[in-house]
């Protein structure tokens, strides 16, 4: 299941984080990072998914 979340994180980072943690602080942080730059959003999403 983590592989599917990582694929979603590469396409749309907030979706991957949402599937992992739901509507939490990490989700909103990822939206902010994705708006500031697509690559930081991807890095944060993969880190959040891999950490759990």
Protein backbone atom coordinates (compact mmCIF):
# COMPACT_ATOMS: atom_id res chain seq x y z
CA UNK A 1 0.00 0.00 0.00
CA UNK A 2 2.92 2.38 0.61
CA UNK A 3 3.94 2.06 -3.04
CA UNK A 4 0.53 3.34 -4.14
CA UNK A 5 0.78 6.26 -1.70
CA UNK A 6 4.25 7.15 -2.99
CA UNK A 7 2.99 7.08 -6.58
CA UNK A 8 0.14 9.41 -5.56
CA UNK A 9 2.71 11.60 -3.77
CA UNK A 10 4.71 11.96 -7.00
CA UNK A 11 1.62 12.97 -8.97
CA UNK A 12 -0.17 15.08 -6.34
CA UNK A 13 1.77 15.37 -3.07
CA UNK A 14 -1.12 16.43 -0.77
CA UNK A 15 -3.14 13.39 -1.87
CA UNK A 16 -0.37 11.01 -0.80
CA UNK A 17 -0.10 12.72 2.58
CA UNK A 18 -3.87 12.77 3.02
CA UNK A 19 -4.07 9.03 2.40
CA UNK A 20 -1.38 8.51 5.05
CA UNK A 21 -2.35 10.91 7.86
CA UNK A 22 -5.75 12.40 7.00
CA UNK A 23 -6.55 16.05 7.71
CA UNK A 24 -3.71 16.75 10.11
CA UNK A 25 -1.00 19.35 10.48
CA UNK A 26 1.22 17.38 8.08
CA UNK A 27 -1.43 17.59 5.36
CA UNK A 28 -1.73 21.38 5.62
CA UNK A 29 2.05 21.76 5.74
CA UNK A 30 2.30 19.71 2.57
CA UNK A 31 -0.25 21.90 0.80
CA UNK A 32 1.79 24.96 1.75
CA UNK A 33 5.04 23.39 0.56
CA UNK A 34 3.42 22.28 -2.69
CA UNK A 35 2.16 25.81 -3.33
CA UNK A 36 5.62 27.23 -2.65
CA UNK A 37 7.27 24.71 -4.94
CA UNK A 38 6.30 21.34 -6.34
CA UNK A 39 9.58 19.59 -5.41
CA UNK A 40 9.46 20.50 -1.68
CA UNK A 41 5.92 19.13 -1.58
CA UNK A 42 7.06 15.84 -3.12
CA UNK A 43 10.01 15.53 -0.74
CA UNK A 44 7.81 16.17 2.30
CA UNK A 45 5.15 13.74 1.08
CA UNK A 46 7.62 10.92 0.49
CA UNK A 47 9.27 11.59 3.84
CA UNK A 48 5.90 11.54 5.64
CA UNK A 49 4.87 8.28 3.96
CA UNK A 50 8.24 6.57 4.49
CA UNK A 51 8.44 7.66 8.13
CA UNK A 52 5.31 5.75 9.08
